[in-house]
Protein backbone atom coordinates (compact mmCIF):
# COMPACT_ATOMS: atom_id res chain seq x y z
CA MET A 1 -0.05 -0.06 0.09
CA SER A 2 1.31 3.23 -0.97
CA LEU A 3 1.42 5.69 1.89
CA LEU A 4 2.94 8.77 -0.27
CA GLU A 5 2.68 8.59 -4.19
CA ILE A 6 4.06 11.07 -6.30
CA LYS A 7 3.03 11.08 -10.41
CA GLU A 8 4.77 12.71 -13.33
CA LEU A 9 6.25 15.54 -11.40
CA SER A 10 7.93 18.15 -13.39
CA HIS A 11 9.55 21.42 -11.39
CA GLY A 12 12.41 24.05 -12.12
CA PHE A 13 12.91 27.46 -10.98
CA GLY A 14 13.79 29.86 -13.98
CA ASP A 15 15.93 27.82 -16.39
CA LYS A 16 16.98 25.22 -14.23
CA GLN A 17 14.88 21.87 -14.48
CA LEU A 18 14.95 20.02 -11.54
CA TYR A 19 12.23 16.92 -12.41
CA ARG A 20 10.87 16.01 -15.64
CA ASN A 21 7.54 13.64 -15.29
CA ALA A 22 9.15 12.21 -12.45
CA THR A 23 7.26 9.23 -10.32
CA LEU A 24 7.90 8.03 -7.02
CA ALA A 25 6.18 5.95 -4.15
CA LEU A 26 6.65 5.46 -0.56
CA ASN A 27 4.90 2.13 0.57
CA LYS A 28 4.11 1.17 4.22
CA GLY A 29 6.84 -0.17 6.37
CA GLU A 30 9.59 1.65 3.60
CA LYS A 31 12.35 3.57 5.32
CA MET A 32 13.56 6.12 2.09
CA GLY A 33 17.22 7.76 2.15
CA ILE A 34 17.03 10.76 -0.26
CA VAL A 35 19.98 11.37 -2.07
CA GLY A 36 21.58 13.17 -5.00
CA HIS A 37 24.34 15.40 -5.80
CA ASN A 38 24.00 19.43 -4.45
CA GLY A 39 21.35 21.30 -6.55
CA SER A 40 19.11 17.83 -7.62
CA GLY A 41 16.20 19.23 -5.74
CA LYS A 42 16.40 16.85 -2.77
CA SER A 43 15.29 19.63 -0.21
CA THR A 44 12.57 20.87 -2.94
CA LEU A 45 11.28 17.44 -3.22
CA ILE A 46 10.42 17.17 0.74
CA LYS A 47 8.99 20.62 0.48
CA ILE A 48 6.58 19.75 -2.34
CA CYS A 49 5.46 16.68 -0.62
CA THR A 50 4.68 18.98 2.45
CA GLY A 51 2.63 21.25 0.03
CA SER A 52 4.83 24.05 0.87
CA ILE A 53 6.16 24.16 -2.65
CA ILE A 54 3.41 23.66 -5.33
CA PRO A 55 5.02 22.23 -8.10
CA ASP A 56 4.73 23.15 -12.23
CA SER A 57 2.95 19.86 -13.10
CA GLY A 58 1.74 16.36 -11.26
CA GLN A 59 0.01 14.97 -8.48
CA ILE A 60 1.35 14.39 -4.72
CA ILE A 61 -1.38 11.76 -3.84
CA ARG A 62 -1.28 11.00 0.00
CA HIS A 63 -3.47 8.15 1.76
CA PRO A 64 -6.57 10.42 3.57
CA LYS A 65 -5.91 8.86 6.92
CA VAL A 66 -2.14 9.33 6.90
CA ARG A 67 -0.62 11.82 9.46
CA LEU A 68 2.39 13.72 7.94
CA GLY A 69 5.21 15.43 9.81
CA TYR A 70 7.94 17.65 8.74
CA LEU A 71 11.04 19.05 10.32
CA ASP A 72 10.91 22.56 10.03
CA GLN A 73 13.74 23.83 11.57
CA TYR A 74 12.41 27.42 11.03
CA ALA A 75 9.19 27.19 11.73
CA MET A 76 7.48 30.06 13.81
CA ILE A 77 6.63 29.01 17.22
CA ASP A 78 5.82 31.13 20.50
CA ARG A 79 9.33 32.28 21.47
CA ASN A 80 7.48 32.59 25.28
CA LEU A 81 7.16 28.75 25.93
CA THR A 82 9.23 26.76 27.73
CA ILE A 83 11.00 23.52 26.07
CA ARG A 84 8.01 21.48 28.54
CA GLN A 85 5.62 23.31 27.41
CA PHE A 86 6.33 23.22 23.61
CA LEU A 87 6.94 19.38 23.73
CA ASN A 88 3.78 18.97 25.97
CA SER A 89 1.62 20.50 22.88
CA ALA A 90 2.62 17.40 20.83
CA PHE A 91 -0.11 15.18 23.05
CA LYS A 92 -2.46 18.93 23.04
CA GLU A 93 -5.38 16.63 21.81
CA LEU A 94 -5.35 14.29 25.04
CA PHE A 95 -4.50 17.42 27.37
CA GLU A 96 -7.90 18.87 26.39
CA ILE A 97 -9.72 15.54 26.87
CA GLU A 98 -8.18 15.16 30.34
CA GLU A 99 -9.15 18.72 31.32
CA ARG A 100 -12.99 17.63 29.57
CA LEU A 101 -12.59 14.55 32.30
CA LEU A 102 -11.22 17.17 35.39
CA SER A 103 -14.32 19.06 34.69
CA LEU A 104 -16.65 16.29 34.90
CA TYR A 105 -15.33 15.03 38.28
CA GLU A 106 -15.77 18.52 39.12
CA ASP A 107 -19.20 18.90 38.65
CA PHE A 108 -19.83 15.20 39.23
CA SER A 109 -23.85 14.43 39.27
CA ASP A 110 -24.73 10.57 39.94
CA ASN A 111 -25.95 10.72 35.77
CA PRO A 112 -25.90 7.98 33.56
CA VAL A 113 -24.78 10.14 30.53
CA GLN A 114 -22.19 12.10 32.37
CA ARG A 115 -20.79 8.98 33.54
CA LYS A 116 -20.71 6.82 30.43
CA LYS A 117 -18.76 10.00 29.02
CA MET A 118 -15.92 10.14 31.76
CA THR A 119 -15.68 6.66 31.01
CA LEU A 120 -15.07 7.18 27.57
CA TYR A 121 -12.45 9.90 28.62
CA GLN A 122 -10.74 7.56 30.74
CA GLU A 123 -10.67 4.68 28.38
CA TYR A 124 -9.58 7.15 25.38
CA LEU A 125 -6.80 8.14 27.61
CA GLU A 126 -5.19 4.81 28.93
CA THR A 127 -6.02 3.69 25.26
CA HIS A 128 -3.35 6.13 23.94
CA ASN A 129 -1.11 5.66 26.60
CA PHE A 130 -1.24 9.29 27.99
CA TYR A 131 0.02 8.45 31.55
CA THR A 132 3.35 7.56 30.22
CA ILE A 133 3.48 10.89 28.31
CA GLU A 134 6.02 12.54 31.21
CA THR A 135 7.90 9.55 30.65
CA GLU A 136 7.99 9.91 26.88
CA ILE A 137 8.90 13.81 27.25
CA GLU A 138 11.67 12.73 29.34
CA ARG A 139 13.20 10.18 27.50
CA ALA A 140 13.12 12.11 24.16
CA ALA A 141 14.54 15.32 25.94
CA ASN A 142 17.46 13.24 27.37
CA ASN A 143 18.60 11.31 24.31
CA LEU A 144 18.28 14.31 22.41
CA GLY A 145 20.50 16.74 24.92
CA LEU A 146 17.75 18.81 26.03
CA THR A 147 17.03 17.97 29.74
CA ALA A 148 20.87 19.18 30.15
CA ILE A 149 19.97 22.47 28.80
CA GLY A 150 17.02 23.12 31.13
CA MET A 151 13.05 21.95 30.58
CA ASN A 152 12.08 25.08 31.91
CA LYS A 153 14.25 27.24 29.57
CA LYS A 154 12.31 29.51 27.41
CA ILE A 155 12.50 28.89 23.77
CA SER A 156 13.67 32.66 23.05
CA GLU A 157 16.74 31.80 25.82
CA ILE A 158 17.93 29.20 23.18
CA SER A 159 20.16 28.62 20.05
CA GLY A 160 19.35 27.96 16.90
CA GLY A 161 20.76 24.40 17.04
CA GLN A 162 18.89 23.53 20.34
CA ARG A 163 15.54 25.12 19.06
CA ALA A 164 15.71 22.42 15.92
CA LYS A 165 16.58 19.96 18.51
CA VAL A 166 13.47 20.84 20.63
CA ILE A 167 11.51 20.87 17.05
CA LEU A 168 12.60 17.14 16.44
CA ALA A 169 11.67 15.94 19.75
CA LYS A 170 8.17 17.34 19.26
CA LEU A 171 8.04 15.58 15.84
CA LEU A 172 9.41 12.05 17.45
CA LEU A 173 6.69 12.28 19.80
CA GLU A 174 3.93 13.05 17.59
CA LYS A 175 4.63 9.76 15.90
CA PRO A 176 3.18 10.94 12.44
CA ASP A 177 2.61 7.94 10.07
CA ILE A 178 5.52 9.37 7.39
CA LEU A 179 8.31 11.64 8.74
CA LEU A 180 10.02 14.05 6.18
CA LEU A 181 13.20 15.00 7.83
CA ASP A 182 15.79 17.34 5.78
CA GLU A 183 19.24 17.06 6.91
CA PRO A 184 18.37 15.96 10.41
CA THR A 185 22.07 15.25 11.83
CA ASN A 186 23.30 18.53 11.13
CA PHE A 187 22.70 20.01 14.43
CA LEU A 188 23.37 16.69 16.48
CA ASP A 189 26.43 15.76 17.86
CA LYS A 190 27.49 11.89 17.79
CA ASN A 191 25.67 10.75 20.76
CA HIS A 192 22.30 12.06 19.88
CA ILE A 193 23.10 11.23 16.21
CA ASN A 194 23.49 7.49 17.54
CA TRP A 195 20.10 7.84 19.60
CA LEU A 196 18.11 8.99 16.61
CA THR A 197 19.66 6.11 13.89
CA GLU A 198 18.28 3.44 16.80
CA TYR A 199 14.95 5.23 17.07
CA LEU A 200 14.45 5.42 13.74
CA ALA A 201 15.66 2.13 12.76
CA GLY A 202 13.16 0.95 15.62
CA ILE A 203 10.10 2.45 14.33
CA ASP A 204 7.24 1.30 12.14
CA GLN A 205 6.25 4.53 10.63
CA GLY A 206 8.05 5.33 6.88
CA PHE A 207 10.08 8.31 6.59
CA MET A 208 11.50 10.28 3.70
CA ILE A 209 15.25 11.65 4.86
CA VAL A 210 17.56 13.64 3.08
CA SER A 211 21.02 13.09 4.45
CA HIS A 212 24.54 13.62 3.35
CA ASP A 213 25.66 11.70 6.35
CA HIS A 214 26.13 8.13 4.40
CA GLU A 215 26.85 6.64 7.89
CA PHE A 216 23.52 7.33 8.89
CA LEU A 217 21.75 6.36 5.94
CA GLU A 218 23.23 3.08 5.50
CA ARG A 219 22.01 2.15 9.81
CA ILE A 220 18.58 3.56 9.16
CA SER A 221 17.18 2.83 5.62
CA ASN A 222 15.54 0.07 3.61
CA CYS A 223 15.33 1.87 0.40
CA ILE A 224 17.00 4.79 -1.45
CA CYS A 225 15.77 6.93 -3.69
CA ASP A 226 18.76 8.82 -6.29
CA ILE A 227 17.98 12.10 -7.68
CA GLU A 228 19.65 11.94 -10.85
CA ASN A 229 19.26 13.86 -14.37
CA GLY A 230 15.64 15.03 -13.13
CA GLU A 231 14.00 11.54 -12.53
CA PHE A 232 13.38 9.70 -9.29
CA ARG A 233 15.48 5.98 -9.25
CA LYS A 234 14.31 4.10 -5.87
CA TYR A 235 17.07 1.22 -5.39
CA PRO A 236 16.12 -1.32 -2.75
CA GLY A 237 18.16 -2.08 0.35
CA ASN A 238 20.53 0.06 2.72
CA PHE A 239 23.14 2.48 1.22
CA SER A 240 25.47 0.16 0.20
CA ASP A 241 22.99 -2.03 -1.88
CA PHE A 242 22.47 1.22 -3.34
CA LEU A 243 25.99 2.08 -4.54
CA ARG A 244 26.74 -1.35 -5.97
CA LEU A 245 23.05 -1.31 -7.86
CA LYS A 246 24.08 2.07 -9.13
CA ASP A 247 27.34 1.26 -10.50
CA HIS A 248 25.20 -0.82 -12.89
CA HIS A 249 22.62 1.43 -13.77
CA LEU A 250 25.46 4.06 -14.42
CA GLU A 251 27.06 1.74 -16.91
CA ASP A 252 24.01 1.32 -18.79
CA TYR A 253 23.27 5.05 -18.90
CA HIS A 254 26.77 5.75 -19.95
CA ARG A 255 26.37 3.54 -22.53
CA ARG A 256 22.98 4.88 -23.81
CA TYR A 257 24.21 8.59 -23.78
CA ASP A 258 27.74 7.83 -25.56
CA GLU A 259 25.03 6.13 -28.25
CA GLN A 260 23.14 9.27 -28.57
CA GLN A 261 26.21 11.41 -28.50
CA ARG A 262 27.68 9.48 -31.21
CA TYR A 263 24.07 9.73 -32.97
CA ILE A 264 23.81 13.60 -32.75
CA ARG A 265 27.32 14.30 -33.75
CA LYS A 266 26.71 11.60 -37.20
CA THR A 267 23.33 13.43 -37.78
CA GLU A 268 24.69 17.00 -37.29
CA GLU A 269 27.37 15.97 -39.64
CA PHE A 270 25.36 14.78 -42.53
CA ILE A 271 23.47 17.87 -42.00
CA ARG A 272 26.12 20.31 -41.83
CA ARG A 273 27.56 18.30 -45.67
CA ASN A 274 24.04 18.26 -47.25
CA ILE A 275 21.69 21.30 -46.15
CA ALA A 276 22.75 23.12 -49.34
CA GLY A 277 22.68 20.26 -51.83
CA ILE A 278 20.72 18.20 -53.55
CA LYS A 279 20.27 16.26 -50.55
CA SER A 280 18.77 19.15 -48.76
CA LYS A 281 15.11 17.78 -48.01
CA ASN A 282 16.30 15.08 -46.39
CA ALA A 283 18.86 16.99 -44.29
CA LYS A 284 15.99 18.97 -43.14
CA GLY A 285 13.98 16.52 -42.04
CA ARG A 286 16.98 14.82 -40.02
CA ARG A 287 17.24 18.64 -38.50
CA LYS A 288 13.47 18.33 -37.24
CA GLN A 289 14.08 15.00 -36.35
CA LEU A 290 17.02 15.96 -34.15
CA ASN A 291 15.02 19.01 -32.88
CA ARG A 292 12.42 16.65 -31.35
CA LEU A 293 15.31 13.86 -30.14
CA GLU A 294 14.39 13.82 -25.91
CA ARG A 295 18.44 14.55 -25.53
CA LEU A 296 19.86 12.78 -22.09
CA ALA A 297 21.30 14.73 -19.63
CA PRO A 298 25.23 14.42 -19.18
CA PRO A 299 25.93 11.02 -16.51
CA VAL A 300 26.48 13.42 -12.98
CA SER A 301 29.40 10.87 -12.53
CA SER A 302 30.98 12.72 -15.48
CA ARG A 303 31.10 16.45 -13.77
CA LYS A 304 34.03 17.37 -12.32
CA ALA A 305 34.09 17.18 -8.50
CA PRO A 306 34.94 21.28 -7.16
CA VAL A 307 38.36 22.71 -6.54
CA PHE A 308 38.83 24.45 -3.86
CA ALA A 309 42.06 25.90 -2.89
CA PHE A 310 42.66 28.88 -0.46
CA ASN A 311 45.34 31.21 -0.69
CA THR A 312 48.20 31.16 2.00
CA LEU A 313 49.81 34.26 3.29
CA THR A 314 53.32 33.94 4.54
CA GLY A 315 53.86 34.60 8.20
CA THR A 316 55.26 32.73 11.22
CA HIS A 317 53.52 34.08 14.22
CA GLU A 318 51.17 32.94 16.81
CA PRO A 319 48.04 33.63 15.38
CA LEU A 320 45.69 33.45 18.56
CA GLN A 321 46.09 33.60 22.30
CA VAL A 322 43.17 32.89 24.47
CA ARG A 323 43.45 33.52 28.20
CA LYS A 324 40.42 33.06 31.15
CA LEU A 325 37.95 33.63 28.13
CA SER A 326 34.64 33.52 29.27
CA ILE A 327 31.69 34.12 26.54
CA GLY A 328 28.39 34.34 26.34
CA TYR A 329 25.17 37.18 25.56
CA THR A 330 23.53 38.22 28.76
CA HIS A 331 25.64 35.04 30.88
CA PRO A 332 28.56 33.05 30.13
CA LEU A 333 28.21 29.94 27.79
CA LEU A 334 31.27 29.20 28.72
CA LYS A 335 34.23 30.06 31.40
CA ASN A 336 37.94 30.47 31.95
CA LEU A 337 38.91 29.26 28.27
CA GLU A 338 42.62 28.81 27.61
CA PHE A 339 44.42 27.85 24.56
CA LYS A 340 46.85 28.72 21.65
CA VAL A 341 46.89 28.30 18.06
CA LYS A 342 50.29 27.97 16.83
CA ALA A 343 51.21 29.06 13.20
CA GLY A 344 50.16 26.35 10.29
CA GLN A 345 48.31 24.80 13.43
CA LYS A 346 44.82 22.93 12.64
CA ILE A 347 42.33 22.49 15.49
CA ALA A 348 39.32 21.12 15.35
CA ILE A 349 36.41 21.83 18.07
CA THR A 350 33.75 19.61 18.97
CA GLY A 351 30.84 19.53 21.64
CA PHE A 352 27.17 18.96 21.73
CA ASN A 353 24.92 21.47 19.90
CA GLY A 354 23.93 25.07 22.05
CA ILE A 355 26.90 24.22 24.12
CA GLY A 356 28.87 27.45 22.56
CA LYS A 357 30.85 26.72 19.87
CA SER A 358 29.79 29.31 17.06
CA THR A 359 29.54 31.62 20.19
CA LEU A 360 33.22 31.24 20.73
CA LEU A 361 33.69 31.73 17.02
CA LYS A 362 32.05 34.94 16.50
CA THR A 363 34.10 36.15 19.63
CA LEU A 364 37.23 34.93 18.67
CA ILE A 365 36.91 37.31 15.18
CA GLY A 366 35.00 40.26 17.17
CA GLU A 367 32.01 40.04 16.18
CA LEU A 368 30.87 39.44 19.88
CA THR A 369 32.49 41.22 23.32
CA PRO A 370 34.15 38.82 25.72
CA LEU A 371 32.39 38.63 29.14
CA SER A 372 35.64 39.00 30.54
CA GLY A 373 39.47 37.53 29.70
CA HIS A 374 41.14 38.19 26.39
CA CYS A 375 41.33 36.57 23.02
CA LEU A 376 44.19 38.34 21.38
CA LEU A 377 44.39 37.60 17.61
CA SER A 378 47.47 39.31 16.06
CA ASP A 379 47.90 41.95 14.19
CA LYS A 380 49.76 40.69 11.36
CA ILE A 381 46.80 37.58 10.90
CA ALA A 382 44.29 37.93 7.83
CA PHE A 383 42.10 35.74 8.11
CA ASN A 384 38.95 34.22 6.56
CA TYR A 385 35.64 33.51 8.49
CA TYR A 386 32.72 31.01 7.45
CA ALA A 387 29.48 31.22 9.35
CA GLN A 388 27.27 28.30 9.14
CA GLU A 389 24.28 30.42 8.80
CA LEU A 390 23.29 30.97 4.24
CA VAL A 391 22.59 34.48 4.86
CA TRP A 392 23.22 37.01 2.20
CA ALA A 393 23.19 40.80 1.72
CA ASP A 394 20.90 40.59 -0.85
CA PRO A 395 19.91 37.49 -1.41
CA GLU A 396 18.51 38.44 -5.07
CA LEU A 397 21.82 38.93 -6.83
CA THR A 398 22.84 36.03 -8.91
CA PRO A 399 26.46 34.25 -8.02
CA LEU A 400 28.12 35.80 -10.66
CA GLU A 401 26.80 39.14 -9.06
CA THR A 402 27.46 38.73 -5.24
CA VAL A 403 31.02 37.95 -6.32
CA SER A 404 31.46 40.83 -8.65
CA SER A 405 30.32 42.86 -6.01
CA ALA A 406 32.60 41.89 -3.73
CA TYR A 407 35.64 42.09 -6.21
CA PRO A 408 34.49 45.02 -8.78
CA MET A 409 37.62 45.34 -10.73
CA MET A 410 37.17 41.04 -11.73
CA GLN A 411 36.56 40.45 -14.96
CA GLU A 412 33.23 38.45 -15.36
CA LYS A 413 35.07 35.46 -17.65
CA GLU A 414 37.36 35.30 -14.42
CA ILE A 415 34.65 35.54 -11.84
CA ARG A 416 33.02 32.34 -13.86
CA SER A 417 36.08 30.57 -13.81
CA HIS A 418 36.33 31.03 -10.31
CA LEU A 419 32.66 29.88 -9.93
CA ALA A 420 33.04 26.95 -12.37
CA ARG A 421 36.21 25.63 -10.15
CA CYS A 422 34.47 25.63 -7.02
CA GLY A 423 31.62 23.37 -7.99
CA ILE A 424 29.30 25.82 -9.68
CA LEU A 425 27.20 24.86 -12.90
CA LYS A 426 26.87 27.23 -15.66
CA GLU A 427 23.37 27.54 -15.67
CA HIS A 428 23.15 28.02 -11.91
CA MET A 429 25.64 31.10 -12.24
CA GLN A 430 23.23 33.63 -12.94
CA GLN A 431 20.44 32.40 -10.86
CA PRO A 432 19.23 34.58 -7.65
CA ILE A 433 21.08 32.92 -5.00
CA ARG A 434 17.96 32.09 -2.58
CA THR A 435 17.05 29.72 -5.17
CA LEU A 436 20.18 27.65 -5.01
CA SER A 437 20.48 24.78 -2.77
CA GLY A 438 22.36 24.90 0.56
CA GLY A 439 25.37 22.99 -1.11
CA GLU A 440 25.27 25.37 -3.81
CA GLN A 441 25.29 28.19 -1.77
CA THR A 442 27.79 26.94 0.43
CA LYS A 443 30.50 26.58 -2.59
CA VAL A 444 29.90 30.14 -3.49
CA LYS A 445 30.61 31.18 0.26
CA LEU A 446 33.46 29.09 -0.05
CA CYS A 447 34.52 30.26 -3.35
CA LEU A 448 34.19 34.07 -2.09
CA MET A 449 36.97 32.79 0.75
CA THR A 450 38.93 31.53 -1.92
CA LEU A 451 39.37 34.50 -3.68
CA SER A 452 40.30 36.28 -0.56
CA PRO A 453 44.62 35.61 1.03
CA SER A 454 44.50 34.51 4.79
CA ASN A 455 46.87 32.57 6.75
CA PHE A 456 44.08 31.92 9.39
CA LEU A 457 40.72 29.75 8.49
CA ILE A 458 37.90 30.04 11.15
CA MET A 459 35.37 27.47 9.92
CA ASP A 460 32.05 26.69 11.53
CA GLU A 461 30.08 23.74 10.10
CA PRO A 462 30.80 24.15 6.23
CA THR A 463 30.11 20.76 5.76
CA ASN A 464 26.79 20.84 6.47
CA HIS A 465 25.26 21.05 2.93
CA LEU A 466 27.78 19.35 1.17
CA ASP A 467 27.68 16.25 -0.81
CA LEU A 468 30.68 13.44 -0.45
CA LYS A 469 32.60 14.83 -3.75
CA ALA A 470 32.86 18.31 -2.65
CA LYS A 471 33.53 17.34 1.46
CA GLU A 472 36.31 15.02 -0.37
CA SER A 473 37.64 18.51 -2.41
CA LEU A 474 37.75 20.93 0.86
CA LYS A 475 38.90 18.20 3.23
CA GLU A 476 42.27 18.21 0.28
CA ALA A 477 42.03 22.24 0.54
CA PHE A 478 42.28 22.53 4.46
CA SER A 479 45.29 19.50 4.07
CA ARG A 480 47.05 21.44 1.86
CA PHE A 481 46.46 25.03 3.27
CA GLU A 482 49.84 26.30 4.83
CA GLY A 483 47.89 28.69 7.44
CA SER A 484 46.52 27.79 10.86
CA ILE A 485 42.60 26.21 11.26
CA ILE A 486 39.92 26.55 13.20
CA LEU A 487 36.99 24.38 12.21
CA VAL A 488 33.84 23.75 14.35
CA SER A 489 32.73 20.44 13.02
CA HIS A 490 30.04 17.31 14.29
CA GLU A 491 31.95 14.79 11.34
CA GLU A 492 34.69 13.24 13.00
CA SER A 493 35.06 11.09 9.22
CA PHE A 494 35.92 14.82 7.82
CA TYR A 495 38.33 15.84 10.26
CA LYS A 496 40.35 13.12 11.67
CA ASP A 497 42.59 12.35 9.01
CA TRP A 498 44.50 16.11 9.07
CA VAL A 499 43.89 18.34 12.25
CA ASP A 500 46.50 18.53 14.51
CA ARG A 501 44.59 18.72 17.82
CA VAL A 502 41.06 17.82 18.71
CA ILE A 503 39.27 20.62 21.43
CA HIS A 504 36.13 19.24 22.65
CA ILE A 505 34.19 21.10 24.72
CA ARG A 506 31.92 19.60 27.50
């Protein structure tokens, strides 16, 4: 039985066509991972399924009794609620029934109709496990690190990552029939990811999850949807099974693509030779056939991986000293920090989400003022800072215009070359940057950094939206960089081979 069915879906932004008559079904019991290169339309597919984006054409068919739950990290919620109050709202209907039951107890009269109503309310609460709600909430909150924050803390007082975890906890407590999650591990540390993995592997509900974390997909999925060349291709099994099956599919696709390219070249050559000769009529007929031909897109595997190269300024000075540093906003998140960064040293900073890692980086670069202590950044240092938020001064500008506004003396041809090297396709260079995927926007940000020579990189979760090829390229670039690096990351597999030191904040 199909819980969710997508029929003949077509959608695009401007000249960028994401899907062409694509079809997909999520059946009962299926746990689907959604993969594809940056910009293929993974997040857009999730939003189309929720109804927040209306496709150009096609149908989204959902069983009428199926409840759908979507992890929207940016949802508008009452910031005056405490974490506990917000999680309790996952059981709003049950709490309302309890209120009715208590009201009947207060106005109790020996009335058969009233007694029957009270019995029905009581049975409904027991059937829906109302009296274990507190235990369920505590379990989810504890396993996602929310109890450490404080269940009575207001939503307005917590970080963006903590807020996303609160929204995820509520969604899991609601137990919808279909879960739609877009990169849920981006704001979780290792322990929280392990718990979420075990939770998802153990539930009966179906789900569709976009993730670049292949180890996570390996452990939770029993089928994979690969978005490629405007199509959805569904593979049975986990991520390893998908890779093996896709290799066979790619071989076949390469063969068909190569055959079509040979046919196109041969036909174009015939048209060139005969369009003005005695076979002109025949040549014109072949040109019409060629114009009607549905051309296969170049195989994604043939696209070059991005190449990031950070220009290093020479310098042997110690870039940073941190002494008795306390950081935060109205009250300290972290106190009495002491560490140094030596010239050329590469450091990873880890710790659970919301502990203050991003706040630390913003304090180091002077964006935030220390509450006490000192962070001494050498005046001989030129640093580049990568903020994990995808925020633009003008999101309507294209990547070409964005780079041009930062480097007005640079010629358009040179800008195109830099963007292409960083993995931005030609057709995406002239789209408003807000319409690009998270991965593509990340590549534009990294492109801007490669154009600014420095000897100190300060990076806050730069891999969150990148596909595997882009991550590997970025890892190589960091390894080659001769200056110092501070990296905040939750992906140990990304940094463990090239950092000199790990600072774990707890």
